[in-house]
N, C-alpha and C. Protein backbone atom coordinates (compact mmCIF):
# COMPACT_ATOMS: atom_id res chain seq x y z
N MET A 1 66.25 -74.46 224.20
CA MET A 1 66.98 -74.96 223.10
C MET A 1 66.57 -75.92 222.34
N THR A 2 66.62 -76.01 221.01
CA THR A 2 66.31 -76.90 219.93
C THR A 2 66.96 -77.89 219.13
N HIS A 3 66.71 -78.53 218.54
CA HIS A 3 67.83 -79.53 217.54
C HIS A 3 68.05 -78.77 216.84
N ARG A 4 69.31 -78.97 215.96
CA ARG A 4 69.91 -78.69 214.91
C ARG A 4 70.64 -79.64 214.08
N ILE A 5 70.06 -80.01 212.84
CA ILE A 5 71.04 -81.36 212.33
C ILE A 5 72.07 -80.30 211.64
N ILE A 6 72.94 -80.85 211.54
CA ILE A 6 74.48 -80.42 210.69
C ILE A 6 74.56 -81.61 209.58
N LEU A 7 74.71 -81.14 208.57
CA LEU A 7 75.33 -81.86 207.61
C LEU A 7 76.94 -81.56 206.83
N PHE A 8 77.44 -82.36 206.91
CA PHE A 8 78.88 -81.78 206.37
C PHE A 8 78.95 -82.52 204.90
N ARG A 9 79.43 -81.68 203.72
CA ARG A 9 79.56 -81.95 202.70
C ARG A 9 81.01 -82.93 202.38
N GLY A 10 80.94 -84.12 201.95
CA GLY A 10 82.13 -84.86 201.49
C GLY A 10 82.84 -85.35 202.63
N MET A 11 82.11 -85.26 204.16
CA MET A 11 83.05 -86.22 204.94
C MET A 11 83.59 -87.29 205.13
N ASN A 12 84.67 -87.68 205.22
CA ASN A 12 85.30 -89.17 205.20
C ASN A 12 85.32 -89.54 203.45
N THR A 13 85.74 -88.67 202.61
CA THR A 13 85.53 -88.92 201.16
C THR A 13 86.64 -88.28 200.45
N GLY A 14 87.51 -88.87 199.85
CA GLY A 14 88.77 -88.34 199.58
C GLY A 14 89.74 -87.64 200.36
N GLY A 15 89.73 -88.16 201.29
CA GLY A 15 90.80 -87.28 202.82
C GLY A 15 90.61 -86.59 203.07
N VAL A 16 88.95 -86.42 203.32
CA VAL A 16 88.42 -85.56 204.18
C VAL A 16 88.05 -86.16 205.39
N ARG A 17 88.84 -85.97 206.59
CA ARG A 17 88.81 -86.43 207.81
C ARG A 17 88.46 -86.00 209.08
N ALA A 18 87.26 -86.53 210.00
CA ALA A 18 87.28 -85.57 211.15
C ALA A 18 86.42 -86.75 211.92
N PRO A 19 87.41 -87.31 212.90
CA PRO A 19 86.44 -88.56 213.59
C PRO A 19 85.57 -87.91 213.96
N VAL A 20 84.56 -88.74 214.51
CA VAL A 20 83.15 -88.36 215.00
C VAL A 20 83.14 -88.04 216.41
N ALA A 21 84.28 -88.74 217.29
CA ALA A 21 84.45 -88.32 218.65
C ALA A 21 84.89 -86.56 218.64
N ASP A 22 85.96 -86.46 217.54
CA ASP A 22 86.53 -84.81 217.43
C ASP A 22 85.40 -84.00 217.27
N GLN A 23 84.41 -84.61 216.34
CA GLN A 23 83.18 -83.87 215.97
C GLN A 23 82.45 -83.46 217.23
N ARG A 24 82.10 -84.59 217.73
CA ARG A 24 81.19 -84.13 219.19
C ARG A 24 82.11 -83.44 220.10
N ALA A 25 83.66 -83.52 220.28
CA ALA A 25 84.20 -82.82 221.31
C ALA A 25 83.87 -81.29 221.12
N MET A 26 84.11 -80.92 219.50
CA MET A 26 84.16 -79.64 218.72
C MET A 26 83.24 -79.02 218.87
N ALA A 27 82.01 -79.82 219.09
CA ALA A 27 80.69 -79.10 219.03
C ALA A 27 80.29 -78.56 220.60
N GLU A 28 80.81 -79.47 221.63
CA GLU A 28 80.57 -79.28 222.93
C GLU A 28 81.54 -77.99 223.03
N ALA A 29 82.80 -77.73 222.68
CA ALA A 29 83.84 -76.99 222.95
C ALA A 29 83.06 -75.45 222.35
N MET A 30 82.24 -75.33 221.37
CA MET A 30 81.54 -74.49 220.85
C MET A 30 80.27 -73.99 221.75
N GLY A 31 79.96 -74.97 222.82
CA GLY A 31 78.89 -74.59 223.36
C GLY A 31 77.41 -75.44 223.10
N LEU A 32 77.58 -75.95 222.01
CA LEU A 32 76.57 -76.76 221.77
C LEU A 32 76.17 -77.65 222.64
N LYS A 33 75.16 -78.07 222.81
CA LYS A 33 74.09 -79.06 223.68
C LYS A 33 74.45 -80.38 223.24
N ASN A 34 74.33 -81.41 224.05
CA ASN A 34 73.98 -82.74 223.26
C ASN A 34 74.57 -83.33 221.99
N PRO A 35 75.43 -83.01 221.81
CA PRO A 35 76.30 -83.59 220.37
C PRO A 35 76.31 -85.17 219.97
N ARG A 36 75.37 -85.16 218.86
CA ARG A 36 75.60 -86.68 218.52
C ARG A 36 75.80 -86.99 217.22
N THR A 37 76.66 -88.12 216.59
CA THR A 37 76.38 -87.88 215.53
C THR A 37 75.69 -89.52 214.86
N LEU A 38 75.54 -89.60 213.68
CA LEU A 38 75.35 -90.87 212.78
C LEU A 38 75.97 -91.07 211.76
N LEU A 39 76.58 -92.30 211.92
CA LEU A 39 77.67 -92.71 211.06
C LEU A 39 78.95 -92.26 211.06
N ALA A 40 79.48 -92.34 210.16
CA ALA A 40 80.71 -91.50 209.77
C ALA A 40 80.99 -90.25 209.06
N SER A 41 79.78 -90.29 208.38
CA SER A 41 79.52 -89.48 207.20
C SER A 41 79.15 -88.29 207.10
N GLY A 42 79.42 -87.58 208.22
CA GLY A 42 79.05 -85.98 208.21
C GLY A 42 77.61 -85.84 208.83
N ASN A 43 77.25 -86.36 209.91
CA ASN A 43 75.82 -86.35 210.33
C ASN A 43 76.11 -85.37 211.91
N LEU A 44 75.68 -84.14 212.14
CA LEU A 44 76.03 -84.23 213.66
C LEU A 44 74.67 -83.55 214.08
N VAL A 45 74.13 -83.69 215.20
CA VAL A 45 72.85 -83.34 215.89
C VAL A 45 73.07 -82.78 217.14
N VAL A 46 72.90 -81.67 217.71
CA VAL A 46 73.28 -80.66 218.31
C VAL A 46 71.83 -80.14 219.03
N GLU A 47 71.97 -79.58 220.13
CA GLU A 47 70.82 -78.69 220.39
C GLU A 47 71.42 -77.11 220.63
N SER A 48 70.75 -76.39 219.82
CA SER A 48 71.13 -74.71 220.14
C SER A 48 69.98 -73.87 219.80
N ASP A 49 70.36 -72.68 219.95
CA ASP A 49 69.20 -71.83 219.91
C ASP A 49 69.64 -70.81 218.50
N LYS A 50 70.55 -71.01 218.08
CA LYS A 50 71.37 -69.89 216.84
C LYS A 50 70.89 -70.34 215.92
N ALA A 51 70.62 -69.32 214.87
CA ALA A 51 70.22 -69.40 213.89
C ALA A 51 70.56 -70.25 212.85
N THR A 52 70.26 -70.91 212.04
CA THR A 52 71.11 -71.73 210.85
C THR A 52 71.76 -71.63 210.30
N ALA A 53 72.05 -69.82 209.66
CA ALA A 53 73.43 -69.58 208.85
C ALA A 53 74.22 -69.27 209.77
N ALA A 54 74.07 -68.61 210.82
CA ALA A 54 75.04 -68.34 212.00
C ALA A 54 75.79 -69.49 212.24
N LEU A 55 75.23 -70.67 212.43
CA LEU A 55 75.45 -71.67 213.02
C LEU A 55 76.63 -72.36 211.74
N GLU A 56 75.87 -72.32 210.97
CA GLU A 56 76.60 -72.57 209.44
C GLU A 56 78.17 -72.15 209.48
N ARG A 57 78.05 -70.81 209.55
CA ARG A 57 79.48 -69.94 209.41
C ARG A 57 80.34 -70.26 210.66
N GLU A 58 79.63 -70.17 211.64
CA GLU A 58 80.49 -70.74 213.09
C GLU A 58 81.08 -72.41 212.84
N ILE A 59 80.23 -73.40 212.15
CA ILE A 59 80.84 -74.71 212.39
C ILE A 59 81.71 -74.62 211.22
N GLU A 60 81.48 -74.01 209.98
CA GLU A 60 82.73 -73.85 209.27
C GLU A 60 83.88 -73.40 209.46
N ALA A 61 83.91 -72.30 210.30
CA ALA A 61 85.25 -71.86 210.69
C ALA A 61 86.08 -72.83 211.61
N GLU A 62 85.06 -73.08 212.38
CA GLU A 62 85.69 -73.82 213.63
C GLU A 62 86.08 -75.50 212.88
N MET A 63 85.70 -75.99 211.84
CA MET A 63 85.95 -77.21 211.52
C MET A 63 87.30 -76.87 210.51
N GLU A 64 87.64 -75.81 209.86
CA GLU A 64 88.71 -74.95 209.53
C GLU A 64 90.07 -75.06 210.33
N ARG A 65 89.58 -74.53 211.70
CA ARG A 65 90.56 -74.24 212.55
C ARG A 65 90.89 -75.06 213.03
N ARG A 66 90.28 -76.03 213.60
CA ARG A 66 90.51 -77.25 214.25
C ARG A 66 91.14 -78.34 213.34
N PHE A 67 90.43 -78.57 212.17
CA PHE A 67 91.08 -79.55 211.37
C PHE A 67 91.38 -79.61 210.11
N GLY A 68 91.84 -78.04 209.74
CA GLY A 68 92.32 -77.79 208.60
C GLY A 68 91.32 -77.98 207.55
N LEU A 69 90.11 -78.31 207.83
CA LEU A 69 88.99 -78.88 206.99
C LEU A 69 88.28 -77.67 206.13
N GLY A 70 88.24 -77.15 205.06
CA GLY A 70 87.28 -76.46 204.40
C GLY A 70 86.18 -76.95 203.66
N ILE A 71 84.94 -77.45 204.51
CA ILE A 71 84.20 -77.91 203.92
C ILE A 71 83.03 -77.31 204.27
N ALA A 72 82.01 -77.49 203.48
CA ALA A 72 80.61 -76.95 203.68
C ALA A 72 79.47 -77.57 204.93
N ALA A 73 79.13 -76.65 205.62
CA ALA A 73 78.15 -77.26 206.57
C ALA A 73 76.88 -76.80 206.35
N MET A 74 75.70 -77.61 205.79
CA MET A 74 74.18 -77.20 206.02
C MET A 74 73.20 -77.65 207.48
N VAL A 75 72.70 -76.67 207.69
CA VAL A 75 72.25 -76.91 209.09
C VAL A 75 70.73 -76.59 208.75
N ARG A 76 70.11 -77.44 209.68
CA ARG A 76 68.36 -77.93 209.45
C ARG A 76 67.59 -77.76 210.60
N THR A 77 66.66 -77.07 210.83
CA THR A 77 65.86 -77.54 212.26
C THR A 77 65.10 -78.53 212.00
N PRO A 78 64.75 -79.26 212.94
CA PRO A 78 63.69 -80.06 212.89
C PRO A 78 62.47 -79.79 212.23
N GLU A 79 61.77 -78.38 212.04
CA GLU A 79 60.59 -78.30 211.30
C GLU A 79 61.10 -78.06 209.76
N GLN A 80 62.42 -77.84 209.57
CA GLN A 80 62.81 -77.84 208.02
C GLN A 80 63.00 -79.24 207.57
N TRP A 81 63.21 -79.76 208.55
CA TRP A 81 63.62 -81.42 208.41
C TRP A 81 62.00 -82.28 208.02
N ALA A 82 61.36 -81.96 208.80
CA ALA A 82 60.23 -82.46 208.66
C ALA A 82 59.39 -81.99 207.52
N ARG A 83 59.61 -80.69 206.99
CA ARG A 83 59.17 -80.30 205.52
C ARG A 83 59.77 -81.22 204.77
N LEU A 84 61.26 -81.28 204.98
CA LEU A 84 61.95 -82.37 203.92
C LEU A 84 61.59 -83.54 203.75
N VAL A 85 61.32 -84.13 204.61
CA VAL A 85 60.28 -85.68 204.61
C VAL A 85 59.24 -85.47 203.98
N ALA A 86 58.24 -84.74 204.24
CA ALA A 86 56.92 -84.75 203.84
C ALA A 86 56.79 -84.18 202.61
N ALA A 87 57.62 -83.61 202.12
CA ALA A 87 57.92 -83.39 200.41
C ALA A 87 58.45 -84.00 199.31
N ASN A 88 58.98 -85.37 200.35
CA ASN A 88 59.54 -86.54 199.34
C ASN A 88 58.41 -86.61 198.08
N PRO A 89 59.09 -86.51 196.81
CA PRO A 89 57.97 -86.60 195.74
C PRO A 89 58.18 -88.18 195.14
N PHE A 90 58.96 -89.10 195.97
CA PHE A 90 58.96 -90.32 195.91
C PHE A 90 58.94 -91.40 196.99
N PRO A 91 57.71 -91.65 197.52
CA PRO A 91 57.27 -91.94 198.86
C PRO A 91 57.30 -93.31 198.42
N ASP A 92 56.58 -93.63 197.35
CA ASP A 92 56.39 -95.30 197.17
C ASP A 92 57.63 -95.92 197.08
N GLU A 93 58.64 -95.36 196.53
CA GLU A 93 59.96 -95.60 195.94
C GLU A 93 60.83 -95.69 197.35
N ALA A 94 60.78 -94.82 198.09
CA ALA A 94 61.27 -94.44 199.55
C ALA A 94 61.16 -95.47 200.60
N ALA A 95 59.68 -95.97 200.48
CA ALA A 95 58.97 -97.24 201.53
C ALA A 95 59.55 -98.48 200.94
N ALA A 96 60.03 -98.48 199.58
CA ALA A 96 60.11 -99.91 199.05
C ALA A 96 61.80 -100.19 199.02
N HIS A 97 62.26 -99.17 198.72
CA HIS A 97 63.91 -99.18 198.53
C HIS A 97 64.64 -98.01 199.13
N PRO A 98 64.51 -97.44 200.24
CA PRO A 98 64.90 -96.30 201.29
C PRO A 98 66.57 -96.00 200.74
N SER A 99 67.47 -96.79 200.14
CA SER A 99 68.80 -96.91 200.12
C SER A 99 69.09 -96.23 198.76
N ARG A 100 67.85 -96.11 197.69
CA ARG A 100 67.92 -95.75 196.71
C ARG A 100 66.96 -94.49 196.13
N VAL A 101 66.72 -93.73 197.13
CA VAL A 101 66.40 -92.31 197.33
C VAL A 101 67.21 -91.72 197.89
N LEU A 102 67.50 -90.30 197.47
CA LEU A 102 68.58 -89.37 197.64
C LEU A 102 67.98 -88.16 198.10
N ALA A 103 67.93 -87.23 199.28
CA ALA A 103 67.71 -85.72 199.09
C ALA A 103 68.77 -85.37 199.47
N MET A 104 68.96 -84.36 198.34
CA MET A 104 70.09 -83.52 198.24
C MET A 104 69.95 -82.05 199.01
N VAL A 105 70.56 -81.67 200.28
CA VAL A 105 70.12 -80.51 200.57
C VAL A 105 70.98 -79.53 200.13
N MET A 106 70.39 -78.41 199.87
CA MET A 106 71.43 -77.52 199.07
C MET A 106 71.63 -76.11 200.27
N LYS A 107 72.95 -75.90 199.96
CA LYS A 107 73.46 -74.62 201.02
C LYS A 107 73.09 -73.29 200.51
N ASP A 108 72.82 -73.39 199.04
CA ASP A 108 72.32 -71.53 198.57
C ASP A 108 71.64 -71.82 197.89
N GLY A 109 70.56 -72.80 197.79
CA GLY A 109 69.74 -72.98 196.71
C GLY A 109 70.25 -74.14 195.36
N ILE A 110 69.51 -74.31 194.58
CA ILE A 110 69.58 -74.84 193.21
C ILE A 110 70.08 -74.18 192.23
N ARG A 111 71.05 -74.31 191.42
CA ARG A 111 71.57 -73.77 190.67
C ARG A 111 70.46 -73.49 189.41
N ASP A 112 70.48 -72.69 188.53
CA ASP A 112 69.35 -72.52 187.29
C ASP A 112 69.89 -73.37 186.28
N GLY A 113 69.05 -74.42 185.81
CA GLY A 113 69.37 -75.17 185.30
C GLY A 113 69.75 -76.15 185.63
N ALA A 114 70.11 -76.81 187.03
CA ALA A 114 70.23 -78.24 187.46
C ALA A 114 69.17 -78.57 187.04
N LEU A 115 68.13 -79.09 187.50
CA LEU A 115 67.38 -79.57 187.54
C LEU A 115 67.18 -80.30 186.16
N ASP A 116 67.14 -79.43 185.33
CA ASP A 116 66.70 -80.00 183.60
C ASP A 116 68.04 -80.71 183.48
N ALA A 117 69.21 -80.14 183.76
CA ALA A 117 70.30 -80.97 183.34
C ALA A 117 70.35 -82.03 184.10
N CYS A 118 69.94 -82.38 184.97
CA CYS A 118 70.02 -83.73 186.02
C CYS A 118 69.02 -84.69 185.02
N ARG A 119 67.79 -84.13 184.56
CA ARG A 119 66.60 -84.95 183.89
C ARG A 119 67.44 -85.12 182.73
N ASP A 120 68.29 -84.56 181.84
CA ASP A 120 68.87 -84.62 180.67
C ASP A 120 69.58 -86.02 180.96
N LEU A 121 70.50 -86.11 181.75
CA LEU A 121 71.39 -87.22 182.48
C LEU A 121 70.89 -88.49 182.75
N ALA A 122 69.36 -88.45 183.10
CA ALA A 122 68.86 -89.50 183.91
C ALA A 122 68.75 -90.49 182.68
N ALA A 123 68.68 -91.84 183.20
CA ALA A 123 68.71 -93.14 182.41
C ALA A 123 68.07 -94.20 183.27
N GLY A 124 67.34 -94.97 182.55
CA GLY A 124 67.25 -96.36 183.24
C GLY A 124 65.98 -96.28 184.30
N GLY A 125 64.84 -95.08 184.27
CA GLY A 125 63.84 -95.08 185.26
C GLY A 125 64.36 -94.34 186.19
N GLU A 126 65.47 -93.51 186.24
CA GLU A 126 66.06 -92.44 187.15
C GLU A 126 65.02 -91.38 187.11
N ARG A 127 64.82 -90.64 188.17
CA ARG A 127 64.16 -89.21 188.17
C ARG A 127 64.70 -88.59 189.35
N VAL A 128 64.51 -87.01 189.07
CA VAL A 128 64.55 -86.03 189.89
C VAL A 128 63.86 -85.23 190.13
N GLU A 129 63.24 -84.32 191.34
CA GLU A 129 62.76 -83.48 191.31
C GLU A 129 63.20 -82.51 192.68
N ALA A 130 62.75 -81.32 192.22
CA ALA A 130 63.11 -80.29 193.19
C ALA A 130 62.32 -79.71 193.99
N VAL A 131 62.28 -79.77 195.43
CA VAL A 131 61.27 -79.14 196.23
C VAL A 131 61.78 -77.71 197.18
N GLY A 132 61.86 -76.98 196.77
CA GLY A 132 62.75 -75.44 197.73
C GLY A 132 63.72 -75.78 197.67
N ASP A 133 64.35 -75.96 198.51
CA ASP A 133 66.18 -76.17 198.30
C ASP A 133 66.55 -77.57 198.46
N VAL A 134 65.66 -78.26 197.90
CA VAL A 134 66.17 -79.95 198.30
C VAL A 134 65.78 -80.80 196.92
N LEU A 135 67.01 -81.30 196.39
CA LEU A 135 67.00 -81.96 195.10
C LEU A 135 66.73 -83.40 195.73
N TYR A 136 65.71 -83.95 195.03
CA TYR A 136 65.17 -85.59 195.54
C TYR A 136 65.69 -86.42 194.34
N PHE A 137 66.26 -87.30 194.16
CA PHE A 137 66.37 -88.43 193.26
C PHE A 137 66.17 -89.78 193.75
N TRP A 138 65.60 -90.38 192.42
CA TRP A 138 65.53 -91.99 192.69
C TRP A 138 66.12 -92.63 191.39
N PHE A 139 67.05 -93.47 192.30
CA PHE A 139 67.97 -94.30 191.27
C PHE A 139 67.61 -95.95 191.52
N PRO A 140 66.77 -96.20 190.40
CA PRO A 140 66.14 -97.42 190.61
C PRO A 140 67.78 -98.77 190.73
N GLU A 141 68.59 -98.43 190.11
CA GLU A 141 69.58 -99.18 189.91
C GLU A 141 70.87 -98.84 190.96
N GLY A 142 70.56 -97.93 191.90
CA GLY A 142 71.79 -97.53 193.03
C GLY A 142 72.69 -96.67 192.46
N GLN A 143 72.92 -95.66 193.31
CA GLN A 143 73.89 -94.57 193.00
C GLN A 143 74.80 -94.80 192.14
N GLY A 144 75.69 -95.96 192.46
CA GLY A 144 76.88 -96.00 192.05
C GLY A 144 77.12 -96.57 190.37
N GLN A 145 75.67 -96.85 189.64
CA GLN A 145 75.58 -97.19 188.22
C GLN A 145 74.95 -95.63 187.75
N SER A 146 74.68 -94.95 188.36
CA SER A 146 74.25 -93.51 187.79
C SER A 146 75.00 -92.45 187.36
N GLY A 147 74.71 -92.10 185.74
CA GLY A 147 75.34 -91.10 184.84
C GLY A 147 74.93 -89.89 185.97
N VAL A 148 73.55 -89.72 186.29
CA VAL A 148 73.33 -88.48 187.24
C VAL A 148 74.33 -88.51 188.38
N PHE A 149 74.32 -89.36 189.32
CA PHE A 149 75.10 -89.20 190.40
C PHE A 149 76.58 -89.03 190.15
N LYS A 150 77.21 -89.31 189.17
CA LYS A 150 78.60 -89.23 188.47
C LYS A 150 78.82 -87.66 187.97
N LYS A 151 77.80 -87.33 187.36
CA LYS A 151 78.13 -85.72 187.03
C LYS A 151 77.52 -84.78 187.75
N ALA A 152 76.80 -84.85 188.37
CA ALA A 152 75.89 -83.96 189.23
C ALA A 152 76.99 -83.28 190.18
N THR A 153 77.65 -82.70 189.91
CA THR A 153 78.55 -82.37 190.90
C THR A 153 78.18 -80.52 191.14
N PRO A 154 78.75 -79.92 192.24
CA PRO A 154 78.30 -78.28 192.68
C PRO A 154 78.74 -77.52 191.60
N ARG A 155 79.64 -77.79 190.70
CA ARG A 155 79.45 -76.91 189.65
C ARG A 155 77.99 -76.95 188.84
N LEU A 156 77.45 -78.11 188.63
CA LEU A 156 76.10 -78.15 187.96
C LEU A 156 75.13 -77.72 188.61
N LEU A 157 75.23 -78.18 190.16
CA LEU A 157 74.15 -77.90 191.14
C LEU A 157 73.71 -76.97 191.99
N GLY A 158 75.02 -76.43 192.36
CA GLY A 158 75.53 -75.93 193.56
C GLY A 158 75.69 -76.82 194.38
N MET A 159 76.17 -75.85 195.61
CA MET A 159 76.78 -76.43 197.22
C MET A 159 75.57 -77.37 197.86
N GLY A 160 75.63 -78.79 197.88
CA GLY A 160 74.85 -79.64 198.45
C GLY A 160 75.47 -80.67 199.07
N THR A 161 75.06 -81.90 199.44
CA THR A 161 74.95 -82.78 200.17
C THR A 161 73.76 -83.28 200.54
N GLY A 162 73.99 -84.90 199.68
CA GLY A 162 72.84 -86.25 200.02
C GLY A 162 73.30 -86.78 200.98
N ARG A 163 71.62 -87.39 201.23
CA ARG A 163 71.76 -88.50 202.23
C ARG A 163 70.83 -89.60 201.79
N ASN A 164 70.80 -90.90 201.90
CA ASN A 164 69.78 -91.78 201.45
C ASN A 164 68.92 -91.58 202.34
N TRP A 165 67.53 -91.92 201.93
CA TRP A 165 66.34 -92.40 202.81
C TRP A 165 66.45 -92.34 204.05
N ASN A 166 67.35 -93.44 204.26
CA ASN A 166 67.41 -94.31 205.47
C ASN A 166 67.87 -93.37 206.22
N THR A 167 68.98 -92.61 205.98
CA THR A 167 69.93 -91.63 207.02
C THR A 167 69.06 -90.51 207.19
N VAL A 168 68.07 -90.16 206.36
CA VAL A 168 67.34 -88.87 206.34
C VAL A 168 66.15 -89.26 207.57
N LEU A 169 65.34 -90.28 207.52
CA LEU A 169 64.58 -90.75 208.71
C LEU A 169 65.45 -91.08 209.91
N LYS A 170 66.70 -91.70 209.87
CA LYS A 170 67.13 -91.87 211.05
C LYS A 170 67.51 -90.37 211.82
N LEU A 171 68.02 -89.54 211.07
CA LEU A 171 68.12 -87.94 211.77
C LEU A 171 66.74 -87.48 211.71
N GLY A 172 65.89 -87.66 211.46
CA GLY A 172 64.53 -86.89 212.03
C GLY A 172 64.13 -87.93 213.30
N GLU A 173 64.49 -89.33 213.41
CA GLU A 173 64.38 -89.66 214.53
C GLU A 173 65.16 -89.21 215.86
N MET A 174 66.17 -88.82 215.44
CA MET A 174 67.34 -88.37 216.57
C MET A 174 66.76 -86.93 217.05
N VAL A 175 66.10 -86.05 216.17
CA VAL A 175 65.38 -84.50 216.31
C VAL A 175 64.07 -84.74 217.02
N GLY A 176 63.59 -85.98 217.08
CA GLY A 176 62.05 -86.22 217.76
C GLY A 176 60.94 -86.53 216.89
N LEU A 177 61.58 -86.50 215.38
CA LEU A 177 60.38 -86.97 214.70
C LEU A 177 59.65 -88.08 214.47
N SER A 178 58.76 -88.17 214.18
CA SER A 178 57.95 -89.50 213.88
C SER A 178 58.37 -90.12 212.64
N PRO A 179 58.37 -91.38 212.55
CA PRO A 179 58.84 -91.72 210.92
C PRO A 179 57.32 -91.51 209.93
N PRO A 180 57.30 -91.47 208.87
CA PRO A 180 56.14 -91.20 208.14
C PRO A 180 55.39 -92.13 207.92
């Protein structure tokens, strides 16, 4: 069995709640091994040999059945996560200010025109790059002040969920990756 990183979109925001202990119990009931959570914001790590797409569907169905939550799950292998970390186009910024670099993992790819739209919204030194199915953001003044962050909705980007660089690295450590 190998690790799987499961990211839930919008967990513990806007009334979407599933306590982490209940998420771990759900994973165990589904036959997933060694479930662990990071923070209370939708980060679950398990051991499984299931394909990522199949596990996404099963997790989403079980979240709906168990908690009444119709939320998206993005599942990644340690190898995919290592590529996500290595591809970061803002390594210097991430080293200096990891909470201001965001990796947005997309469920079904990045919507056409999303990168250009985000760049048009960027101000004050903000930057955005796309590598594969991940959008990387640099928010020099933080996300809360960003017009990009406020307007970059699934309708513009596609379905995805973002994690700041601190969380990206902690999730990597949970699946055995060494920090860069």
